[in-house]
Each structure stands twice: as structure tokens, then as C-alpha cells.
Amino acid sequence: MFKKLLKLYNTMLLKGCLHTHTTCSDGTLTPQQVALAYEEKGYDFIAFTDHDYLLKPGYDEIYNNVKSDMILFTGIEMTVFLKGYIHVNRIFGDNQLLHIFNHLPEYDLDIEQIMERLYDLQKMFTIDAMEITTKGFKVKRFDEMPFPHPSIVSDDAHTVIGIGRAWIELDARRDKDSILKAIKHGDFWNCYC
């Protein structure tokens, strides 16, 4: 009982987004500007997930120089070719790694085709979550689908206008690995403005 209470005591409600873009690829804001914009909206964590094929040299150093009170994850949005292209976010914790099958509504695929792609993806990566929003907007048919992995939302922001449309909230310790573990277990809430 004491360990359970201690665990609850050490957790807090955290708000975050695990899919953002910066000038390190095709975003319009620098990583520092992105961090400030999310911080102003009350976020506790974000992930920089710029596109793999557009990454500018030295992007990791730029990310590491961002000043913020938020937890800043680094990651990459990978382009994977499986009967066309799909995107997968790879997000790095301290010891944990998270893979998210991104923006499902944007592919114009039916559920059977999505499940085919997921099956093939899982031969390459351990998929941990499925992103069911498109640029932060709710897509009802995806919100109600029974996927085999947790359904997650994000704003996939490329501009300041896109920041804050959709986010997750979770109870976890304020560290990278605790956040990623909670997501893998589906211990979070999807939220929209």
C-alpha cells in the first residue's frame, strides 16, 4: 500500500505533444520558437520530430541548445515506403524508444489497408501508438476504431497557427522514460481545443 501511495505522490498531470516540426525541416519556427509557443500554452513536454529527408545538418545540436522548462524529446519523422509512403515518429527517451504510426486519416486508406501497413511496419519497428488526427483535427471514424495499439492525438504543427489543436495528458513522473512508458501502456487522455 505504501509503495502505491508513494508512486501516486511522485506523479503529476502532464500535458504534451509528440509531433512537432521546426525550421530543421519544413516548419516555419525555430526549435526555440516552437518550445516557447508550447510553453506559453501550458505544455509540460514536446517532441521535435522533423522529417528525415529534410533534416538540416547540425539539427541535433540545435535541439540540444533550446532553453525551456519543458521536457524536450528529440525524435524524427521517418518516411517508410510500404505500398506508398507512410510516416512513423521515432521518439527517444533516456532508455525508452517510442514509435508512432503517424496521421492515419491523411493516407486515404480503409481500415483493412491500415492494418496491412501496420502488419508490415511491425516487421521493421515495434509500433507503440497510432496517431488518429490530421494536423490536430479530430476525425470521427478514426476516433472510434479499435486499433491494437493506443490511439494518440497531436497537432503535427508546422506553423504557430497549428500549435495547441490536440494534445495528450497523463499522470506520470516528470521524466522522459516515465512519459513514454505511460504512452506505451495507453495511460493517457486525448484532448482537443
Protein backbone atom coordinates (compact mmCIF):
# COMPACT_ATOMS: atom_id res chain seq x y z
CA MET A 1 0.00 0.00 0.00
CA PHE A 2 2.79 2.43 0.90
CA LYS A 3 4.58 1.84 -2.44
CA LYS A 4 1.34 2.53 -4.31
CA LEU A 5 0.79 5.79 -2.41
CA LEU A 6 4.42 6.80 -2.95
CA LYS A 7 4.06 6.18 -6.69
CA LEU A 8 0.91 8.32 -6.85
CA TYR A 9 2.60 11.05 -4.83
CA ASN A 10 5.53 11.21 -7.25
CA THR A 11 3.36 11.59 -10.36
CA MET A 12 1.73 14.69 -11.77
CA LEU A 13 -0.65 15.59 -14.55
CA LEU A 14 1.42 16.43 -17.63
CA LYS A 15 0.32 17.94 -20.96
CA GLY A 16 2.25 17.28 -24.15
CA CYS A 17 2.59 16.86 -27.88
CA LEU A 18 4.80 14.26 -29.53
CA HIS A 19 4.70 15.53 -33.13
CA THR A 20 6.11 18.98 -33.97
CA HIS A 21 8.13 20.44 -36.84
CA THR A 22 10.72 23.21 -36.90
CA THR A 23 12.99 25.04 -39.33
CA CYS A 24 15.26 21.98 -39.04
CA SER A 25 12.96 20.56 -41.75
CA ASP A 26 9.74 22.10 -43.12
CA GLY A 27 8.43 24.04 -40.11
CA THR A 28 8.28 27.84 -40.03
CA LEU A 29 9.52 28.30 -36.44
CA THR A 30 12.95 27.57 -34.98
CA PRO A 31 13.11 24.87 -32.30
CA GLN A 32 13.46 27.64 -29.67
CA GLN A 33 10.35 29.42 -31.01
CA VAL A 34 8.43 26.13 -31.05
CA ALA A 35 9.37 25.46 -27.43
CA LEU A 36 8.33 28.96 -26.35
CA ALA A 37 4.98 28.69 -28.16
CA TYR A 38 4.11 25.39 -26.48
CA GLU A 39 5.35 26.60 -23.11
CA GLU A 40 3.04 29.63 -23.37
CA LYS A 41 0.11 27.22 -23.87
CA GLY A 42 0.93 25.34 -20.66
CA TYR A 43 2.62 22.27 -22.11
CA ASP A 44 4.94 20.16 -19.99
CA PHE A 45 6.64 18.25 -22.82
CA ILE A 46 7.02 18.20 -26.60
CA ALA A 47 8.96 16.17 -29.15
CA PHE A 48 10.87 17.66 -32.06
CA THR A 49 10.06 15.27 -34.91
CA ASP A 50 11.34 16.85 -38.09
CA HIS A 51 11.19 14.94 -41.39
CA ASP A 52 14.10 12.58 -42.05
CA TYR A 53 14.62 13.53 -45.69
CA LEU A 54 14.56 17.29 -44.99
CA LEU A 55 16.77 17.44 -41.87
CA LYS A 56 19.31 20.23 -41.86
CA PRO A 57 22.90 19.50 -40.83
CA GLY A 58 23.53 20.05 -37.12
CA TYR A 59 19.85 19.67 -36.16
CA ASP A 60 20.67 17.66 -33.02
CA GLU A 61 22.95 20.42 -31.71
CA ILE A 62 20.22 23.00 -32.41
CA TYR A 63 17.70 20.90 -30.44
CA ASN A 64 20.15 20.48 -27.56
CA ASN A 65 20.63 24.27 -27.29
CA VAL A 66 16.93 25.01 -26.78
CA LYS A 67 16.21 26.60 -23.40
CA SER A 68 12.92 25.54 -21.80
CA ASP A 69 11.38 24.36 -18.55
CA MET A 70 9.52 21.70 -20.55
CA ILE A 71 10.79 18.18 -21.12
CA LEU A 72 12.13 18.22 -24.68
CA PHE A 73 12.18 14.94 -26.55
CA THR A 74 14.16 14.54 -29.73
CA GLY A 75 12.89 12.36 -32.49
CA ILE A 76 12.49 12.02 -36.20
CA GLU A 77 9.55 11.56 -38.55
CA MET A 78 10.65 8.70 -40.77
CA THR A 79 9.27 8.16 -44.26
CA VAL A 80 8.66 4.47 -44.84
CA PHE A 81 7.66 3.04 -48.21
CA LEU A 82 5.02 0.28 -47.94
CA LYS A 83 2.72 0.28 -50.98
CA GLY A 84 3.19 4.05 -50.98
CA TYR A 85 4.67 6.13 -48.22
CA ILE A 86 3.69 6.37 -44.58
CA HIS A 87 5.25 8.24 -41.67
CA VAL A 88 6.47 6.87 -38.36
CA ASN A 89 7.71 9.02 -35.49
CA ARG A 90 10.69 7.64 -33.58
CA ILE A 91 11.00 9.42 -30.22
CA PHE A 92 13.94 8.96 -27.89
CA GLY A 93 13.70 8.85 -24.11
CA ASP A 94 16.67 8.28 -21.84
CA ASN A 95 16.32 4.49 -22.10
CA GLN A 96 12.93 4.10 -23.80
CA LEU A 97 12.13 4.36 -27.50
CA LEU A 98 8.64 5.11 -28.86
CA HIS A 99 7.32 4.53 -32.40
CA ILE A 100 4.06 6.11 -33.55
CA PHE A 101 2.32 5.30 -36.85
CA ASN A 102 1.51 8.91 -37.83
CA HIS A 103 -1.58 10.77 -39.06
CA LEU A 104 -3.68 7.81 -40.21
CA PRO A 105 -6.52 9.90 -41.73
CA GLU A 106 -4.16 11.52 -44.24
CA TYR A 107 -3.44 8.32 -46.19
CA ASP A 108 -6.95 7.79 -47.58
CA LEU A 109 -6.78 4.12 -46.59
CA ASP A 110 -9.59 1.95 -45.25
CA ILE A 111 -9.16 0.03 -42.01
CA GLU A 112 -8.07 -3.15 -43.79
CA GLN A 113 -5.33 -1.28 -45.67
CA ILE A 114 -4.18 0.45 -42.47
CA MET A 115 -3.96 -2.90 -40.71
CA GLU A 116 -1.94 -4.31 -43.65
CA ARG A 117 0.52 -1.41 -43.38
CA LEU A 118 0.67 -1.86 -39.61
CA TYR A 119 1.44 -5.57 -40.01
CA ASP A 120 4.30 -4.77 -42.41
CA LEU A 121 5.54 -1.89 -40.23
CA GLN A 122 5.76 -4.14 -37.20
CA LYS A 123 8.31 -6.26 -39.06
CA MET A 124 10.58 -3.18 -39.02
CA PHE A 125 9.67 -1.39 -35.77
CA THR A 126 7.80 -2.03 -32.56
CA ILE A 127 4.81 0.23 -33.12
CA ASP A 128 3.61 1.64 -29.78
CA ALA A 129 0.77 4.00 -30.78
CA MET A 130 -1.37 5.12 -33.72
CA GLU A 131 -1.88 8.84 -34.39
CA ILE A 132 -5.55 9.38 -35.27
CA THR A 133 -5.57 13.12 -36.00
CA THR A 134 -4.78 15.10 -39.10
CA LYS A 135 -2.97 18.38 -38.27
CA GLY A 136 -4.65 18.29 -34.86
CA PHE A 137 -8.19 17.88 -36.12
CA LYS A 138 -10.42 15.09 -34.87
CA VAL A 139 -11.53 12.56 -37.48
CA LYS A 140 -14.55 10.80 -36.04
CA ARG A 141 -14.19 7.47 -37.85
CA PHE A 142 -10.62 7.11 -36.55
CA ASP A 143 -11.58 8.19 -33.06
CA GLU A 144 -13.88 5.18 -32.82
CA MET A 145 -11.67 2.50 -34.42
CA PRO A 146 -10.46 -0.36 -32.20
CA PHE A 147 -6.75 -0.32 -33.05
CA PRO A 148 -4.39 -2.88 -31.45
CA HIS A 149 -2.23 -0.03 -30.08
CA PRO A 150 -3.19 3.09 -28.14
CA SER A 151 -4.71 5.85 -30.27
CA ILE A 152 -2.89 9.14 -29.76
CA VAL A 153 -3.57 12.70 -30.93
CA SER A 154 -1.19 15.54 -31.79
CA ASP A 155 -1.28 18.79 -33.69
CA ASP A 156 1.61 17.90 -36.04
CA ALA A 157 2.33 21.64 -36.02
CA HIS A 158 4.39 23.16 -38.82
CA THR A 159 3.37 26.76 -38.00
CA VAL A 160 2.37 28.76 -34.94
CA ILE A 161 -1.29 28.52 -36.03
CA GLY A 162 -1.20 24.72 -35.71
CA ILE A 163 0.13 24.67 -32.15
CA GLY A 164 -2.34 23.57 -29.49
CA ARG A 165 -5.13 21.94 -31.51
CA ALA A 166 -4.70 18.46 -29.97
CA TRP A 167 -2.59 17.10 -27.13
CA ILE A 168 -2.32 14.29 -24.61
CA GLU A 169 -2.47 14.44 -20.84
CA LEU A 170 -1.14 11.80 -18.49
CA ASP A 171 -0.23 11.14 -14.88
CA ALA A 172 3.47 10.33 -14.74
CA ARG A 173 6.72 11.27 -13.13
CA ARG A 174 8.30 14.27 -14.82
CA ASP A 175 10.92 12.33 -16.78
CA LYS A 176 11.19 11.11 -20.35
CA ASP A 177 11.03 7.38 -19.74
CA SER A 178 8.02 7.59 -17.43
CA ILE A 179 6.13 9.56 -20.07
CA LEU A 180 6.99 7.11 -22.84
CA LYS A 181 6.06 4.10 -20.68
CA ALA A 182 2.67 5.64 -19.90
CA ILE A 183 2.01 6.13 -23.61
CA LYS A 184 3.02 2.56 -24.44
CA HIS A 185 0.53 1.33 -21.84
CA GLY A 186 -2.25 3.63 -23.07
CA ASP A 187 -2.28 5.53 -19.77
CA PHE A 188 -3.14 8.95 -21.22
CA TRP A 189 -6.09 11.04 -22.37
CA ASN A 190 -6.57 12.57 -25.80
CA CYS A 191 -7.60 16.24 -25.70
CA TYR A 192 -8.75 18.79 -28.27
CA CYS A 193 -9.26 22.54 -28.09
